[in-house]
Amino acid sequence: MSLQLPSVVIVGRPNVGKSTLFNRLTESRRSIVTDEPGITRDRIYGTAQWNGRVFEVVDTGGLLPDDKAAIPREILRQARVAMERASVLVLVVDARAGVQPLDIELAQLLRRTGKPLIIAANKVDTAAHSALAGEFYALGGRVVGASAEHGHGVDDLLDEITKDFPRGEAEVAPEAVRVAVIGRPNVGKSTLLNRLAGEERSIVAPEAGTTRDAVDTLVERDGKFYQFVDTAGIRRKAKTKLLAEKLSVIMARKHMERADVAIMVLDGAEGVTSQDAAIAHDAAASGRSVILVLNKWDLAVAAAEAGAKKRVEPGRLRQDYEKLIRAKLKFLAYAPIVFLSALSGQHTGRLFGLIEKVNESRRKRITTGELNRWLKTTDLERGTVPGAQRVKILYLTQASANPPTFVLFTNQKKPLHFSYERFLENRLRESFDFTGSPIRFLQRQRKPRV
């Protein structure tokens, strides 16, 4: 049977072990865990099961209800969204630190929701620590002492969480195109994700580096599903000082490598920077299909008109920008470019069709017969490097897709020059649609005579 998953929302003040508990329950390393407080900011979703009961787990940022600064305010708002559809609320507290004023304030906030409340007294590693959990009964919920880090007491916590959940199988997740939204900090990645999702899934603030964890969002559009991942802004190693920033960059790269398609977001008001080029190069080298998004296009047009002191033809300006982008990102000549404004929504709807097309291209398979018929009718010898032995491709077959990978049987005793591979790639693209997808080659060289 199929069930709507119950939702367990983990809340608490900063640095009490919420993300450690989330990772323990979901048996993953989905949330970043360090000793630095305030790492998790957005809602992080995962799935867990216990004794035949399957449920959703939501990790939220550390709550500071009285802090009026932009990011703490947004973290609280994000947590409230999760709490509205929660089946059970788990308030994580630090047993060693005892009851803190903020714990009392949060418990009052959670009780007002009317949802079942469990107090997870975390960091209970020994029998001596277990006695410390008792004082948290004053907060008004069921108390379970546990150690999220070492697993002690987590079984009891799971029993308490799931005791009223139905048994059954989880809904089968729909097959979705995995899309990573990548780019340097503050180019509009989270704004774009929220626009595509139709809701505020990621925190958006003027402060660079707002997103630290990768935020997953499943979006349905015209009967098709897309799993978007909003990643942390990728900075140069020299620019990342805090451990949290270093870990978030590592996680961003890992999530990009798990995706089918990478949406590389550029800032239209700033153009292509050296850091943009470095990130784009990583995306291409990882074998992801790539779509280049020039965000803040409305600002770029306004700036051009202010400079020219007259109305600028957008089509002509797009051509100029495209030439600039192509010149700086030559290795992504195959990546389509979309000019849009994530904030206003201008042209964002075009992305879904393009994602679908790019994903189909990376999964395209061409039969060996079709490839070798193409081989007979295409002059590939003219791509030979001057002074080198003329290249002759004796046989060509596609070894795999995702991304398309071709095996070449040639008359060469050495690996093909990169310029010839690029020439061959361009000829393939002229005849077969590989929009947005990288193409890879494996060469079978002629064995030298003994």
Protein backbone atom coordinates (compact mmCIF):
# COMPACT_ATOMS: atom_id res chain seq x y z
CA MET A 1 0.00 0.00 0.00
CA SER A 2 1.09 3.63 -0.57
CA LEU A 3 1.24 6.19 2.23
CA GLN A 4 1.52 9.95 2.52
CA LEU A 5 4.66 10.13 4.65
CA PRO A 6 4.35 11.51 8.19
CA SER A 7 6.68 14.45 8.71
CA VAL A 8 9.10 14.72 11.66
CA VAL A 9 10.52 18.22 12.04
CA ILE A 10 13.70 18.70 14.07
CA VAL A 11 14.01 22.11 15.77
CA GLY A 12 16.14 23.67 18.47
CA ARG A 13 18.55 26.45 19.25
CA PRO A 14 21.91 26.60 17.43
CA ASN A 15 24.55 23.91 17.99
CA VAL A 16 22.59 21.38 20.02
CA GLY A 17 23.07 18.57 17.47
CA LYS A 18 20.03 18.83 15.19
CA SER A 19 21.96 18.05 12.00
CA THR A 20 23.78 15.16 13.68
CA LEU A 21 20.41 13.70 14.68
CA PHE A 22 19.04 14.27 11.16
CA ASN A 23 21.99 12.40 9.66
CA ARG A 24 21.58 9.59 12.21
CA LEU A 25 17.85 9.15 11.51
CA THR A 26 18.22 9.30 7.72
CA GLU A 27 21.43 7.23 7.76
CA SER A 28 23.11 9.86 5.60
CA ARG A 29 25.57 12.71 5.73
CA ARG A 30 23.07 15.04 4.11
CA SER A 31 23.43 17.92 6.59
CA ILE A 32 26.77 19.57 7.29
CA VAL A 33 27.97 18.98 10.86
CA THR A 34 30.70 21.03 12.55
CA ASP A 35 31.29 22.66 15.93
CA GLU A 36 30.42 26.05 14.42
CA PRO A 37 26.88 27.17 15.32
CA GLY A 38 24.41 28.29 12.65
CA ILE A 39 25.50 25.95 9.84
CA THR A 40 22.03 24.79 8.74
CA ARG A 41 19.85 27.64 7.51
CA ASP A 42 17.38 26.23 5.00
CA ARG A 43 15.05 23.25 5.43
CA ILE A 44 16.82 19.96 4.64
CA TYR A 45 14.65 16.94 3.80
CA GLY A 46 15.36 13.23 4.11
CA THR A 47 13.55 9.91 4.53
CA ALA A 48 13.86 7.43 7.41
CA GLN A 49 12.26 4.14 8.39
CA TRP A 50 11.86 2.30 11.66
CA ASN A 51 10.14 -1.04 12.30
CA GLY A 52 8.22 -0.90 9.04
CA ARG A 53 7.24 2.75 9.43
CA VAL A 54 8.55 5.18 6.81
CA PHE A 55 8.58 8.91 7.50
CA GLU A 56 10.00 12.21 6.31
CA VAL A 57 12.63 14.02 8.42
CA VAL A 58 13.15 17.77 8.17
CA ASP A 59 16.24 19.50 9.56
CA THR A 60 15.84 23.20 10.30
CA GLY A 61 18.23 25.99 11.18
CA GLY A 62 19.06 26.99 14.74
CA LEU A 63 16.17 29.15 15.99
CA LEU A 64 16.64 32.55 17.58
CA PRO A 65 13.05 33.91 17.78
CA ASP A 66 14.02 37.33 19.18
CA ASP A 67 16.83 38.00 16.68
CA LYS A 68 15.49 40.47 14.12
CA ALA A 69 18.46 40.23 11.74
CA ALA A 70 17.59 39.08 8.23
CA ILE A 71 19.02 35.57 8.26
CA PRO A 72 17.78 34.47 11.75
CA ARG A 73 14.36 35.87 10.81
CA GLU A 74 14.35 33.86 7.58
CA ILE A 75 15.52 30.69 9.38
CA LEU A 76 12.56 31.03 11.75
CA ARG A 77 10.16 31.57 8.85
CA GLN A 78 11.54 28.51 7.05
CA ALA A 79 11.10 26.43 10.22
CA ARG A 80 7.50 27.63 10.64
CA VAL A 81 6.70 26.42 7.10
CA ALA A 82 7.99 22.95 8.00
CA MET A 83 6.20 22.96 11.35
CA GLU A 84 2.82 23.67 9.74
CA ARG A 85 2.76 20.25 8.03
CA ALA A 86 4.62 18.35 10.76
CA SER A 87 3.19 15.18 12.27
CA VAL A 88 5.66 15.29 15.18
CA LEU A 89 7.96 18.04 16.43
CA VAL A 90 11.30 17.04 17.95
CA LEU A 91 12.90 19.75 20.10
CA VAL A 92 16.61 18.96 20.44
CA VAL A 93 18.28 20.25 23.62
CA ASP A 94 21.76 19.86 25.10
CA ALA A 95 21.45 17.64 28.19
CA ARG A 96 24.90 18.62 29.43
CA ALA A 97 24.10 22.35 29.28
CA GLY A 98 20.79 21.94 31.12
CA VAL A 99 17.60 23.88 30.44
CA GLN A 100 18.40 27.22 28.78
CA PRO A 101 16.05 30.23 28.54
CA LEU A 102 15.93 29.77 24.76
CA ASP A 103 14.88 26.12 25.22
CA ILE A 104 11.93 27.31 27.33
CA GLU A 105 10.98 29.92 24.74
CA LEU A 106 11.14 27.40 21.88
CA ALA A 107 9.14 24.79 23.82
CA GLN A 108 6.39 27.38 24.38
CA LEU A 109 6.45 28.23 20.67
CA LEU A 110 6.16 24.56 19.68
CA ARG A 111 3.41 23.73 22.19
CA ARG A 112 1.26 26.52 20.73
CA THR A 113 1.19 24.62 17.42
CA GLY A 114 -0.82 21.83 19.03
CA LYS A 115 1.46 19.22 17.39
CA PRO A 116 2.87 16.26 19.35
CA LEU A 117 6.13 17.37 20.96
CA ILE A 118 9.11 15.18 21.89
CA ILE A 119 12.12 16.57 23.75
CA ALA A 120 15.32 14.90 22.50
CA ALA A 121 17.84 15.47 25.32
CA ASN A 122 20.97 15.11 23.20
CA LYS A 123 24.58 14.42 24.16
CA VAL A 124 23.59 11.75 26.71
CA ASP A 125 26.62 9.50 26.29
CA THR A 126 26.81 7.86 29.74
CA ALA A 127 24.55 6.73 32.59
CA ALA A 128 25.60 9.83 34.50
CA HIS A 129 24.40 12.03 31.67
CA SER A 130 21.04 10.17 31.56
CA ALA A 131 20.09 11.69 34.91
CA LEU A 132 20.49 15.15 33.37
CA ALA A 133 17.64 14.53 30.92
CA GLY A 134 15.01 14.53 33.68
CA GLU A 135 14.98 18.30 34.19
CA PHE A 136 13.70 18.80 30.62
CA TYR A 137 10.25 17.45 31.58
CA ALA A 138 9.61 21.04 32.72
CA LEU A 139 9.43 21.98 29.02
CA GLY A 140 6.12 20.13 28.68
CA GLY A 141 6.88 17.34 26.23
CA ARG A 142 7.84 13.67 26.30
CA VAL A 143 11.59 13.45 27.05
CA VAL A 144 14.01 10.90 25.62
CA GLY A 145 17.72 11.00 26.41
CA ALA A 146 19.97 10.11 23.46
CA SER A 147 23.33 10.65 21.81
CA ALA A 148 22.91 11.56 18.16
CA GLU A 149 26.65 11.28 17.63
CA HIS A 150 27.13 7.80 19.11
CA GLY A 151 23.64 6.37 18.64
CA HIS A 152 22.89 5.70 22.34
CA GLY A 153 19.15 5.95 23.02
CA VAL A 154 18.25 6.69 19.40
CA ASP A 155 16.23 3.45 19.23
CA ASP A 156 14.08 4.67 22.13
CA LEU A 157 13.72 8.06 20.43
CA LEU A 158 12.58 6.39 17.20
CA ASP A 159 10.08 4.25 19.10
CA GLU A 160 8.60 7.38 20.63
CA ILE A 161 8.57 9.33 17.35
CA THR A 162 6.91 6.60 15.28
CA LYS A 163 4.55 4.94 17.76
CA ASP A 164 1.45 6.47 16.11
CA PHE A 165 2.70 6.27 12.51
CA PRO A 166 1.05 3.77 10.15
CA ARG A 167 2.98 0.82 8.81
CA GLY A 168 3.40 0.42 5.08
CA GLU A 169 5.57 1.11 2.10
CA ALA A 170 6.72 4.57 1.15
CA GLU A 171 5.42 6.19 -1.98
CA VAL A 172 7.68 5.38 -4.87
CA ALA A 173 9.62 8.53 -5.69
CA PRO A 174 8.95 9.67 -9.25
CA GLU A 175 11.82 9.50 -11.71
CA ALA A 176 13.20 13.01 -11.87
CA VAL A 177 15.91 14.88 -13.73
CA ARG A 178 18.55 15.87 -11.17
CA VAL A 179 19.46 19.53 -11.60
CA ALA A 180 22.18 21.30 -9.60
CA VAL A 181 22.02 25.09 -9.45
CA ILE A 182 25.65 26.21 -9.21
CA GLY A 183 27.67 29.40 -9.26
CA ARG A 184 29.63 31.75 -7.08
CA PRO A 185 28.02 33.43 -4.06
CA ASN A 186 25.25 36.00 -4.46
CA VAL A 187 24.50 35.54 -8.18
CA GLY A 188 20.86 34.62 -7.52
CA LYS A 189 20.89 30.81 -7.25
CA SER A 190 18.41 30.64 -4.37
CA THR A 191 16.12 33.23 -5.96
CA LEU A 192 16.09 31.15 -9.14
CA LEU A 193 15.33 27.94 -7.22
CA ASN A 194 12.45 29.61 -5.39
CA ARG A 195 11.08 30.91 -8.70
CA LEU A 196 11.26 27.46 -10.33
CA ALA A 197 9.77 25.77 -7.27
CA GLY A 198 6.95 28.27 -6.97
CA GLU A 199 7.68 28.72 -3.26
CA GLU A 200 10.38 30.12 -1.01
CA ARG A 201 12.41 26.94 -0.50
CA SER A 202 15.80 28.61 -0.02
CA ILE A 203 16.66 31.58 2.13
CA VAL A 204 17.39 34.68 0.07
CA ALA A 205 19.31 37.57 1.61
CA PRO A 206 21.70 40.28 0.35
CA GLU A 207 24.50 38.69 2.39
CA ALA A 208 26.74 36.52 0.20
CA GLY A 209 27.01 32.87 1.20
CA THR A 210 23.51 32.55 2.69
CA THR A 211 23.07 28.98 1.47
CA ARG A 212 25.42 26.50 3.16
CA ASP A 213 23.69 23.14 2.92
CA ALA A 214 22.42 21.99 -0.46
CA VAL A 215 18.63 22.35 -0.60
CA ASP A 216 16.64 19.69 -2.47
CA THR A 217 13.33 20.57 -4.10
CA LEU A 218 11.15 18.24 -6.17
CA VAL A 219 9.19 20.19 -8.79
CA GLU A 220 6.48 18.87 -11.12
CA ARG A 221 5.94 20.63 -14.44
CA ASP A 222 3.60 19.34 -17.16
CA GLY A 223 3.68 15.83 -15.71
CA LYS A 224 7.48 15.70 -15.53
CA PHE A 225 9.59 15.86 -12.37
CA TYR A 226 12.76 17.79 -11.64
CA GLN A 227 14.92 17.39 -8.52
CA PHE A 228 16.56 20.79 -8.05
CA VAL A 229 19.50 21.22 -5.69
CA ASP A 230 20.42 24.75 -4.65
CA THR A 231 24.11 24.53 -3.76
CA ALA A 232 26.27 26.85 -1.70
CA GLY A 233 28.15 29.53 -3.60
CA ILE A 234 31.50 28.09 -4.66
CA ARG A 235 34.45 30.27 -3.71
CA ARG A 236 38.18 29.93 -4.27
CA LYS A 237 39.93 27.95 -1.53
CA ALA A 238 41.86 31.05 -0.49
CA LYS A 239 38.58 32.91 0.04
CA THR A 240 37.01 30.30 2.34
CA LYS A 241 38.09 30.95 5.92
CA LEU A 242 35.53 29.25 8.17
CA LEU A 243 35.30 25.48 8.32
CA ALA A 244 31.57 25.74 7.51
CA GLU A 245 32.35 27.57 4.29
CA LYS A 246 34.99 25.02 3.30
CA LEU A 247 32.60 22.12 3.95
CA SER A 248 29.73 23.80 2.10
CA VAL A 249 31.94 24.26 -0.98
CA ILE A 250 33.00 20.59 -0.83
CA MET A 251 29.34 19.53 -0.53
CA ALA A 252 28.34 21.83 -3.40
CA ARG A 253 30.87 20.12 -5.69
CA LYS A 254 29.67 16.66 -4.58
CA HIS A 255 26.04 17.52 -5.28
CA MET A 256 26.99 18.90 -8.68
CA GLU A 257 28.74 15.63 -9.52
CA ARG A 258 25.57 13.65 -8.65
CA ALA A 259 23.39 15.76 -10.94
CA ASP A 260 22.44 15.16 -14.56
CA VAL A 261 22.28 18.83 -15.47
CA ALA A 262 24.10 21.82 -13.95
CA ILE A 263 22.52 25.25 -14.25
CA MET A 264 25.47 27.63 -14.08
CA VAL A 265 24.20 31.02 -12.87
CA LEU A 266 26.09 34.14 -13.93
CA ASP A 267 25.47 37.69 -12.74
CA GLY A 268 24.32 39.83 -15.69
CA ALA A 269 25.32 42.99 -13.85
CA GLU A 270 28.93 41.78 -13.40
CA GLY A 271 29.56 39.59 -16.45
CA VAL A 272 31.83 36.54 -16.46
CA THR A 273 34.53 36.54 -13.77
CA SER A 274 37.56 34.29 -13.41
CA GLN A 275 35.75 32.48 -10.59
CA ASP A 276 32.78 31.86 -12.90
CA ALA A 277 35.17 30.33 -15.42
CA ALA A 278 36.71 28.07 -12.78
CA ILE A 279 33.31 26.78 -11.62
CA ALA A 280 32.14 26.28 -15.20
CA HIS A 281 35.32 24.33 -15.95
CA ASP A 282 34.64 22.05 -12.95
CA ALA A 283 31.10 21.42 -14.22
CA ALA A 284 32.34 20.53 -17.70
CA ALA A 285 35.13 18.31 -16.37
CA SER A 286 32.67 16.44 -14.14
CA GLY A 287 30.69 15.34 -17.19
CA ARG A 288 27.54 17.26 -16.28
CA SER A 289 25.35 18.71 -18.99
CA VAL A 290 25.40 22.49 -18.60
CA ILE A 291 22.96 25.33 -19.13
CA LEU A 292 24.37 28.83 -18.75
CA VAL A 293 21.96 31.27 -17.11
CA LEU A 294 22.68 34.98 -17.27
CA ASN A 295 20.64 36.21 -14.31
CA LYS A 296 19.65 39.82 -13.55
CA TRP A 297 19.18 40.43 -17.28
CA ASP A 298 16.78 43.29 -16.53
CA LEU A 299 19.54 45.05 -14.57
CA ALA A 300 22.01 44.52 -17.41
CA VAL A 301 19.59 46.07 -19.92
CA ALA A 302 18.88 49.00 -17.58
CA ALA A 303 22.61 49.61 -17.06
CA ALA A 304 23.24 49.52 -20.84
CA GLU A 305 20.43 52.02 -21.45
CA ALA A 306 21.69 54.30 -18.67
CA GLY A 307 25.16 54.27 -20.24
CA ALA A 308 23.88 54.88 -23.76
CA LYS A 309 21.22 57.36 -22.54
CA LYS A 310 18.72 55.78 -24.92
CA ARG A 311 16.70 52.63 -25.37
CA VAL A 312 18.85 49.60 -26.17
CA GLU A 313 17.67 46.84 -28.48
CA PRO A 314 17.58 43.73 -26.20
CA GLY A 315 18.25 41.34 -29.11
CA ARG A 316 21.43 43.17 -30.08
CA LEU A 317 22.53 43.38 -26.45
CA ARG A 318 21.97 39.62 -26.05
CA GLN A 319 24.21 38.97 -29.04
CA ASP A 320 26.95 41.13 -27.51
CA TYR A 321 26.68 39.34 -24.16
CA GLU A 322 26.66 35.94 -25.81
CA LYS A 323 29.88 36.76 -27.70
CA LEU A 324 31.46 37.82 -24.41
CA ILE A 325 30.35 34.65 -22.61
CA ARG A 326 31.47 32.39 -25.46
CA ALA A 327 34.87 34.10 -25.57
CA LYS A 328 35.46 33.56 -21.84
CA LEU A 329 33.94 30.07 -21.64
CA LYS A 330 35.17 28.54 -24.90
CA PHE A 331 35.17 25.05 -23.41
CA LEU A 332 31.37 25.31 -22.97
CA ALA A 333 30.57 26.19 -26.55
CA TYR A 334 27.94 23.44 -26.52
CA ALA A 335 26.04 24.89 -23.53
CA PRO A 336 22.88 26.88 -24.33
CA ILE A 337 22.52 30.34 -22.80
CA VAL A 338 19.34 31.70 -21.20
CA PHE A 339 18.93 35.38 -20.37
CA LEU A 340 16.48 35.85 -17.48
CA SER A 341 15.59 37.60 -14.25
CA ALA A 342 14.99 35.20 -11.37
CA LEU A 343 13.62 38.03 -9.22
CA SER A 344 10.91 39.14 -11.69
CA GLY A 345 10.44 35.73 -13.30
CA GLN A 346 11.25 37.05 -16.78
CA HIS A 347 12.01 34.09 -19.12
CA THR A 348 12.45 31.60 -16.23
CA GLY A 349 9.72 29.37 -17.67
CA ARG A 350 11.96 28.60 -20.64
CA LEU A 351 14.30 26.63 -18.41
CA PHE A 352 12.07 23.57 -17.99
CA GLY A 353 11.89 22.78 -21.70
CA LEU A 354 15.60 23.38 -22.06
CA ILE A 355 16.43 21.11 -19.10
CA GLU A 356 14.36 18.38 -20.71
CA LYS A 357 16.11 18.80 -24.05
CA VAL A 358 19.58 18.85 -22.49
CA ASN A 359 18.81 15.76 -20.40
CA GLU A 360 17.58 13.89 -23.48
CA SER A 361 20.76 14.86 -25.34
CA ARG A 362 23.04 13.41 -22.63
CA ARG A 363 21.11 10.14 -22.76
CA LYS A 364 21.03 9.91 -26.55
CA ARG A 365 22.30 6.68 -28.11
CA ILE A 366 23.32 6.38 -31.76
CA THR A 367 23.55 2.92 -33.27
CA THR A 368 26.89 1.63 -34.50
CA GLY A 369 25.45 1.27 -37.99
CA GLU A 370 24.31 4.90 -38.07
CA LEU A 371 27.67 6.10 -36.74
CA ASN A 372 29.67 4.22 -39.33
CA ARG A 373 27.41 5.36 -42.17
CA TRP A 374 28.08 8.89 -40.93
CA LEU A 375 31.80 8.06 -40.81
CA LYS A 376 31.83 7.12 -44.52
CA THR A 377 30.18 10.36 -45.60
CA THR A 378 32.19 12.75 -43.40
CA ASP A 379 35.68 14.00 -44.24
CA LEU A 380 37.46 13.69 -40.92
CA GLU A 381 41.02 13.57 -42.24
CA ARG A 382 41.13 17.33 -42.71
CA GLY A 383 41.18 17.77 -38.95
CA THR A 384 44.66 16.19 -38.75
CA VAL A 385 47.30 18.37 -37.12
CA PRO A 386 49.78 19.67 -39.76
CA GLY A 387 52.95 17.57 -39.88
CA ALA A 388 51.35 14.61 -38.10
CA GLN A 389 50.25 11.32 -39.57
CA ARG A 390 46.83 11.64 -41.20
CA VAL A 391 44.16 10.37 -38.87
CA LYS A 392 41.95 7.62 -40.14
CA ILE A 393 39.03 6.39 -38.03
CA LEU A 394 38.50 2.75 -38.93
CA TYR A 395 35.48 2.14 -36.74
CA LEU A 396 33.30 4.13 -34.37
CA THR A 397 30.81 2.97 -31.75
CA GLN A 398 29.02 4.49 -28.77
CA ALA A 399 30.12 2.81 -25.56
CA SER A 400 27.70 4.51 -23.19
CA ALA A 401 25.42 7.48 -22.60
CA ASN A 402 25.01 9.90 -19.70
CA PRO A 403 27.22 11.50 -20.97
CA PRO A 404 27.66 10.19 -24.54
CA THR A 405 30.96 8.32 -24.79
CA PHE A 406 32.37 7.03 -28.08
CA VAL A 407 35.08 4.46 -28.80
CA LEU A 408 37.37 5.21 -31.75
CA PHE A 409 39.44 2.60 -33.57
CA THR A 410 42.12 4.54 -35.45
CA ASN A 411 45.33 4.11 -37.41
CA GLN A 412 47.24 6.06 -34.73
CA LYS A 413 49.93 4.67 -32.42
CA LYS A 414 49.62 7.62 -30.05
CA PRO A 415 46.63 9.33 -28.43
CA LEU A 416 44.79 11.77 -30.67
CA HIS A 417 45.71 15.43 -30.38
CA PHE A 418 43.12 17.37 -28.35
CA SER A 419 42.50 19.66 -31.35
CA TYR A 420 41.50 16.66 -33.46
CA GLU A 421 39.14 15.42 -30.75
CA ARG A 422 37.54 18.88 -30.70
CA PHE A 423 37.25 18.78 -34.50
CA LEU A 424 35.62 15.35 -34.33
CA GLU A 425 33.27 16.50 -31.57
CA ASN A 426 32.16 19.51 -33.65
CA ARG A 427 31.42 17.26 -36.66
CA LEU A 428 29.34 14.94 -34.46
CA ARG A 429 27.40 17.88 -33.05
CA GLU A 430 26.65 19.14 -36.57
CA SER A 431 24.96 15.84 -37.41
CA PHE A 432 23.46 14.75 -34.08
CA ASP A 433 21.77 16.86 -31.42
CA PHE A 434 23.88 16.87 -28.26
CA THR A 435 22.69 20.23 -26.94
CA GLY A 436 24.23 21.03 -23.57
CA SER A 437 25.92 17.65 -23.22
CA PRO A 438 29.65 16.97 -23.13
CA ILE A 439 31.00 14.29 -25.47
CA ARG A 440 33.80 11.96 -24.46
CA PHE A 441 36.10 9.79 -26.55
CA LEU A 442 37.96 6.58 -25.80
CA GLN A 443 40.63 5.65 -28.32
CA ARG A 444 41.71 2.16 -29.29
CA GLN A 445 45.15 2.68 -30.78
CA ARG A 446 46.81 0.44 -33.34
CA LYS A 447 49.23 -1.86 -31.58
CA PRO A 448 52.83 -1.32 -32.75
CA ARG A 449 54.38 -4.24 -34.56
CA VAL A 450 56.86 -6.25 -32.51
